[in-house]
């Protein structure tokens, strides 16, 4: 069977953890054979919640970060960027924290294991902080969608990774971090 005979571009959407179904988890169908694998990470037709970006002229912005085992990046947030995130290489512990002050789930957090073995993706809406810890050497992919200008480092909010107000659990007590994230 060739990849053309398989619907490898279909995604399964699930709400493994929900925040009232604001955060979605996608598992793409992966076609595996003797040469390797092929899968689709983003297509508005197969991610029904993302059709709004196509209809409203959002900018799509892809970004990758490579981290060594033991690195923690984040928690960062803004009020306009959607992020579809996944691990391209390695295993990542992702934390998503609701920082929307008027939300019924404000201050609640959830964690996800993203792996190149499962190819799971998490769609993080604006108003949610996210950070990730490299369980192995890894490559993290962000597919960001926003209107207007990109909210870069100087305009993003930052939550301390071990902020006592939120009692987030991490698989480390001593991560490698940037000064900004510390």
C-alpha atoms as a PDB file:
ATOM      1  CA  UNK A   1       0.000   0.000   0.000  1.00  0.00           C
ATOM      2  CA  UNK A   2       1.397   3.411  -0.873  1.00  0.00           C
ATOM      3  CA  UNK A   3       0.784   6.570   1.126  1.00  0.00           C
ATOM      4  CA  UNK A   4      -1.632   7.660  -1.624  1.00  0.00           C
ATOM      5  CA  UNK A   5      -3.885   4.742  -0.634  1.00  0.00           C
ATOM      6  CA  UNK A   6      -4.023   5.819   3.012  1.00  0.00           C
ATOM      7  CA  UNK A   7      -5.793   8.835   4.508  1.00  0.00           C
ATOM      8  CA  UNK A   8      -2.629   9.993   6.302  1.00  0.00           C
ATOM      9  CA  UNK A   9      -3.789  13.620   6.347  1.00  0.00           C
ATOM     10  CA  UNK A  10      -6.737  13.001   8.669  1.00  0.00           C
ATOM     11  CA  UNK A  11      -6.546  14.008  12.315  1.00  0.00           C
ATOM     12  CA  UNK A  12      -8.309  12.714  15.356  1.00  0.00           C
ATOM     13  CA  UNK A  13      -9.435  15.512  17.656  1.00  0.00           C
ATOM     14  CA  UNK A  14      -9.789  14.781  21.323  1.00  0.00           C
ATOM     15  CA  UNK A  15     -10.259  16.586  24.579  1.00  0.00           C
ATOM     16  CA  UNK A  16      -8.004  14.530  26.798  1.00  0.00           C
ATOM     17  CA  UNK A  17      -7.840  17.529  29.106  1.00  0.00           C
ATOM     18  CA  UNK A  18     -10.218  20.329  28.458  1.00  0.00           C
ATOM     19  CA  UNK A  19     -10.239  23.754  30.158  1.00  0.00           C
ATOM     20  CA  UNK A  20     -13.914  23.635  29.143  1.00  0.00           C
ATOM     21  CA  UNK A  21     -12.816  22.363  25.696  1.00  0.00           C
ATOM     22  CA  UNK A  22     -10.757  25.509  24.994  1.00  0.00           C
ATOM     23  CA  UNK A  23      -7.532  23.502  24.565  1.00  0.00           C
ATOM     24  CA  UNK A  24      -7.679  20.756  21.947  1.00  0.00           C
ATOM     25  CA  UNK A  25      -5.385  17.786  21.329  1.00  0.00           C
ATOM     26  CA  UNK A  26      -4.907  16.440  17.793  1.00  0.00           C
ATOM     27  CA  UNK A  27      -3.366  13.108  16.870  1.00  0.00           C
ATOM     28  CA  UNK A  28      -2.450  12.967  13.179  1.00  0.00           C
ATOM     29  CA  UNK A  29      -2.593   9.756  11.236  1.00  0.00           C
ATOM     30  CA  UNK A  30       0.978   8.685  10.499  1.00  0.00           C
ATOM     31  CA  UNK A  31       1.830   6.503   7.503  1.00  0.00           C
ATOM     32  CA  UNK A  32       4.815   4.290   8.363  1.00  0.00           C
ATOM     33  CA  UNK A  33       6.735   2.078   5.971  1.00  0.00           C
ATOM     34  CA  UNK A  34      10.277   0.857   5.251  1.00  0.00           C
ATOM     35  CA  UNK A  35      11.515   4.329   4.160  1.00  0.00           C
ATOM     36  CA  UNK A  36      10.200   6.194   7.222  1.00  0.00           C
ATOM     37  CA  UNK A  37       7.034   8.161   7.988  1.00  0.00           C
ATOM     38  CA  UNK A  38       4.812  10.860   6.517  1.00  0.00           C
ATOM     39  CA  UNK A  39       2.128  12.909   8.277  1.00  0.00           C
ATOM     40  CA  UNK A  40       0.405  16.282   8.011  1.00  0.00           C
ATOM     41  CA  UNK A  41       0.831  18.678  10.906  1.00  0.00           C
ATOM     42  CA  UNK A  42      -1.447  21.495   9.796  1.00  0.00           C
ATOM     43  CA  UNK A  43      -4.257  21.858   7.301  1.00  0.00           C
ATOM     44  CA  UNK A  44      -7.289  24.017   8.001  1.00  0.00           C
ATOM     45  CA  UNK A  45      -9.602  21.427   6.439  1.00  0.00           C
ATOM     46  CA  UNK A  46      -8.488  18.712   8.875  1.00  0.00           C
ATOM     47  CA  UNK A  47      -8.358  20.985  11.929  1.00  0.00           C
ATOM     48  CA  UNK A  48     -11.999  22.192  12.036  1.00  0.00           C
ATOM     49  CA  UNK A  49     -11.383  24.640  14.877  1.00  0.00           C
ATOM     50  CA  UNK A  50      -8.757  26.389  12.740  1.00  0.00           C
ATOM     51  CA  UNK A  51     -11.098  27.362   9.896  1.00  0.00           C
ATOM     52  CA  UNK A  52     -11.584  30.744  11.637  1.00  0.00           C
ATOM     53  CA  UNK A  53      -7.962  31.638  10.834  1.00  0.00           C
ATOM     54  CA  UNK A  54      -8.453  31.083   7.126  1.00  0.00           C
ATOM     55  CA  UNK A  55     -11.691  33.116   7.112  1.00  0.00           C
ATOM     56  CA  UNK A  56     -10.310  36.111   9.036  1.00  0.00           C
ATOM     57  CA  UNK A  57      -6.912  36.696   7.397  1.00  0.00           C
ATOM     58  CA  UNK A  58      -4.753  35.584  10.281  1.00  0.00           C
ATOM     59  CA  UNK A  59      -0.999  35.482   9.790  1.00  0.00           C
ATOM     60  CA  UNK A  60       0.513  32.008  10.008  1.00  0.00           C
ATOM     61  CA  UNK A  61       3.985  31.907  11.551  1.00  0.00           C
ATOM     62  CA  UNK A  62       6.058  28.734  11.975  1.00  0.00           C
ATOM     63  CA  UNK A  63       8.839  28.593  14.542  1.00  0.00           C
ATOM     64  CA  UNK A  64      11.072  25.818  15.883  1.00  0.00           C
ATOM     65  CA  UNK A  65      13.161  25.610  19.037  1.00  0.00           C
ATOM     66  CA  UNK A  66      15.822  23.022  19.733  1.00  0.00           C
ATOM     67  CA  UNK A  67      16.547  22.216  23.378  1.00  0.00           C
ATOM     68  CA  UNK A  68      18.933  19.918  25.167  1.00  0.00           C
ATOM     69  CA  UNK A  69      17.628  17.494  27.772  1.00  0.00           C
ATOM     70  CA  UNK A  70      16.870  19.374  31.008  1.00  0.00           C
ATOM     71  CA  UNK A  71      15.974  22.741  29.418  1.00  0.00           C
ATOM     72  CA  UNK A  72      12.741  24.470  30.477  1.00  0.00           C
ATOM     73  CA  UNK A  73      11.328  27.239  28.248  1.00  0.00           C
ATOM     74  CA  UNK A  74       8.442  29.436  29.350  1.00  0.00           C
ATOM     75  CA  UNK A  75       5.808  30.045  30.647  1.00  0.00           C
ATOM     76  CA  UNK A  76       4.929  32.715  28.040  1.00  0.00           C
ATOM     77  CA  UNK A  77       1.597  34.137  26.931  1.00  0.00           C
ATOM     78  CA  UNK A  78      -0.213  36.943  25.139  1.00  0.00           C
ATOM     79  CA  UNK A  79      -3.813  37.827  24.370  1.00  0.00           C
ATOM     80  CA  UNK A  80      -3.884  37.329  20.590  1.00  0.00           C
ATOM     81  CA  UNK A  81      -1.771  34.350  19.488  1.00  0.00           C
ATOM     82  CA  UNK A  82      -3.063  30.832  18.893  1.00  0.00           C
ATOM     83  CA  UNK A  83      -0.338  28.158  19.000  1.00  0.00           C
ATOM     84  CA  UNK A  84      -0.532  24.666  17.551  1.00  0.00           C
ATOM     85  CA  UNK A  85       2.474  22.938  19.168  1.00  0.00           C
ATOM     86  CA  UNK A  86       4.159  19.556  18.857  1.00  0.00           C
ATOM     87  CA  UNK A  87       7.425  17.696  19.279  1.00  0.00           C
ATOM     88  CA  UNK A  88       9.271  17.062  16.028  1.00  0.00           C
ATOM     89  CA  UNK A  89      12.168  15.242  17.730  1.00  0.00           C
ATOM     90  CA  UNK A  90      12.233  13.823  21.254  1.00  0.00           C
ATOM     91  CA  UNK A  91       9.946  13.971  24.273  1.00  0.00           C
ATOM     92  CA  UNK A  92       8.564  17.151  25.812  1.00  0.00           C
ATOM     93  CA  UNK A  93       6.591  17.839  28.992  1.00  0.00           C
ATOM     94  CA  UNK A  94       4.199  20.693  28.101  1.00  0.00           C
ATOM     95  CA  UNK A  95       2.359  22.777  30.711  1.00  0.00           C
ATOM     96  CA  UNK A  96      -0.608  24.977  29.730  1.00  0.00           C
ATOM     97  CA  UNK A  97      -1.889  27.477  32.332  1.00  0.00           C
ATOM     98  CA  UNK A  98      -5.127  29.470  32.036  1.00  0.00           C
ATOM     99  CA  UNK A  99      -4.294  33.136  32.735  1.00  0.00           C
ATOM    100  CA  UNK A 100      -7.602  34.591  31.473  1.00  0.00           C
ATOM    101  CA  UNK A 101      -8.725  36.565  34.527  1.00  0.00           C
ATOM    102  CA  UNK A 102     -12.474  36.229  33.825  1.00  0.00           C
ATOM    103  CA  UNK A 103     -12.311  32.499  33.078  1.00  0.00           C
ATOM    104  CA  UNK A 104     -13.933  29.846  35.254  1.00  0.00           C
ATOM    105  CA  UNK A 105     -10.680  27.891  34.932  1.00  0.00           C
ATOM    106  CA  UNK A 106      -8.331  30.815  35.739  1.00  0.00           C
ATOM    107  CA  UNK A 107      -5.161  29.564  37.420  1.00  0.00           C
ATOM    108  CA  UNK A 108      -5.739  25.934  36.468  1.00  0.00           C
ATOM    109  CA  UNK A 109      -3.018  24.100  34.557  1.00  0.00           C
ATOM    110  CA  UNK A 110      -2.716  20.874  32.660  1.00  0.00           C
ATOM    111  CA  UNK A 111       0.269  18.926  31.387  1.00  0.00           C
ATOM    112  CA  UNK A 112       0.797  16.904  28.229  1.00  0.00           C
ATOM    113  CA  UNK A 113       3.580  14.648  27.013  1.00  0.00           C
ATOM    114  CA  UNK A 114       4.406  15.510  23.406  1.00  0.00           C
ATOM    115  CA  UNK A 115       6.565  13.006  21.577  1.00  0.00           C
ATOM    116  CA  UNK A 116       7.861  12.330  18.104  1.00  0.00           C
ATOM    117  CA  UNK A 117       6.485   8.818  18.656  1.00  0.00           C
ATOM    118  CA  UNK A 118       2.817   9.887  18.973  1.00  0.00           C
ATOM    119  CA  UNK A 119       2.910  13.135  16.929  1.00  0.00           C
ATOM    120  CA  UNK A 120       0.186  14.610  19.194  1.00  0.00           C
ATOM    121  CA  UNK A 121      -0.435  18.338  18.817  1.00  0.00           C
ATOM    122  CA  UNK A 122      -1.971  20.773  21.311  1.00  0.00           C
ATOM    123  CA  UNK A 123      -3.883  23.890  20.192  1.00  0.00           C
ATOM    124  CA  UNK A 124      -3.319  26.650  22.765  1.00  0.00           C
ATOM    125  CA  UNK A 125      -5.651  29.677  22.529  1.00  0.00           C
ATOM    126  CA  UNK A 126      -4.761  33.264  23.450  1.00  0.00           C
ATOM    127  CA  UNK A 127      -4.786  33.867  27.204  1.00  0.00           C
ATOM    128  CA  UNK A 128      -3.102  30.587  28.065  1.00  0.00           C
ATOM    129  CA  UNK A 129       0.531  30.537  29.172  1.00  0.00           C
ATOM    130  CA  UNK A 130       2.620  27.619  28.009  1.00  0.00           C
ATOM    131  CA  UNK A 131       6.038  26.270  28.821  1.00  0.00           C
ATOM    132  CA  UNK A 132       7.862  23.087  28.008  1.00  0.00           C
ATOM    133  CA  UNK A 133      10.558  20.965  29.577  1.00  0.00           C
ATOM    134  CA  UNK A 134      12.871  18.819  27.440  1.00  0.00           C
ATOM    135  CA  UNK A 135      12.669  15.246  28.720  1.00  0.00           C
ATOM    136  CA  UNK A 136      15.193  14.359  25.992  1.00  0.00           C
ATOM    137  CA  UNK A 137      17.098  16.421  23.445  1.00  0.00           C
ATOM    138  CA  UNK A 138      14.211  17.751  21.380  1.00  0.00           C
ATOM    139  CA  UNK A 139      12.868  20.009  18.650  1.00  0.00           C
ATOM    140  CA  UNK A 140       9.627  21.849  19.486  1.00  0.00           C
ATOM    141  CA  UNK A 141       7.431  23.247  16.693  1.00  0.00           C
ATOM    142  CA  UNK A 142       5.080  26.218  17.073  1.00  0.00           C
ATOM    143  CA  UNK A 143       2.540  26.963  14.331  1.00  0.00           C
ATOM    144  CA  UNK A 144       1.287  30.387  15.441  1.00  0.00           C
ATOM    145  CA  UNK A 145      -1.772  32.236  14.152  1.00  0.00           C
ATOM    146  CA  UNK A 146      -2.513  35.897  14.916  1.00  0.00           C
ATOM    147  CA  UNK A 147      -3.916  39.141  13.506  1.00  0.00           C
ATOM    148  CA  UNK A 148      -1.700  42.191  13.170  1.00  0.00           C
ATOM    149  CA  UNK A 149       1.883  42.180  14.340  1.00  0.00           C
ATOM    150  CA  UNK A 150       3.576  39.267  16.081  1.00  0.00           C
ATOM    151  CA  UNK A 151       3.708  39.602  19.868  1.00  0.00           C
ATOM    152  CA  UNK A 152       7.432  39.168  20.408  1.00  0.00           C
ATOM    153  CA  UNK A 153       9.474  38.721  23.593  1.00  0.00           C
ATOM    154  CA  UNK A 154       9.149  42.312  24.859  1.00  0.00           C
ATOM    155  CA  UNK A 155       5.336  42.220  24.755  1.00  0.00           C
ATOM    156  CA  UNK A 156       4.706  38.714  26.077  1.00  0.00           C
ATOM    157  CA  UNK A 157       3.713  37.935  29.619  1.00  0.00           C
ATOM    158  CA  UNK A 158       5.904  35.592  31.631  1.00  0.00           C
ATOM    159  CA  UNK A 159       4.892  33.365  34.544  1.00  0.00           C
ATOM    160  CA  UNK A 160       7.604  31.886  36.732  1.00  0.00           C
ATOM    161  CA  UNK A 161       7.804  28.127  36.125  1.00  0.00           C
ATOM    162  CA  UNK A 162       7.420  27.335  39.836  1.00  0.00           C
ATOM    163  CA  UNK A 163       5.072  30.178  40.820  1.00  0.00           C
ATOM    164  CA  UNK A 164       3.535  29.091  44.143  1.00  0.00           C
ATOM    165  CA  UNK A 165       0.122  30.543  43.222  1.00  0.00           C
ATOM    166  CA  UNK A 166      -0.427  27.822  40.618  1.00  0.00           C
ATOM    167  CA  UNK A 167       1.280  24.728  42.134  1.00  0.00           C
ATOM    168  CA  UNK A 168       2.389  23.449  38.736  1.00  0.00           C
ATOM    169  CA  UNK A 169       4.170  20.105  38.761  1.00  0.00           C
ATOM    170  CA  UNK A 170       7.316  19.662  36.700  1.00  0.00           C
ATOM    171  CA  UNK A 171       9.510  16.567  36.290  1.00  0.00           C
ATOM    172  CA  UNK A 172      12.496  18.548  37.612  1.00  0.00           C
ATOM    173  CA  UNK A 173      13.534  20.768  40.498  1.00  0.00           C
ATOM    174  CA  UNK A 174      16.545  22.311  38.774  1.00  0.00           C
ATOM    175  CA  UNK A 175      15.942  23.043  35.072  1.00  0.00           C
ATOM    176  CA  UNK A 176      18.327  24.781  32.686  1.00  0.00           C
ATOM    177  CA  UNK A 177      16.688  28.159  31.925  1.00  0.00           C
ATOM    178  CA  UNK A 178      17.175  31.605  30.450  1.00  0.00           C
ATOM    179  CA  UNK A 179      17.411  34.558  32.823  1.00  0.00           C
ATOM    180  CA  UNK A 180      14.048  35.838  31.497  1.00  0.00           C
ATOM    181  CA  UNK A 181      12.263  32.585  32.371  1.00  0.00           C
ATOM    182  CA  UNK A 182      13.969  32.194  35.744  1.00  0.00           C
END
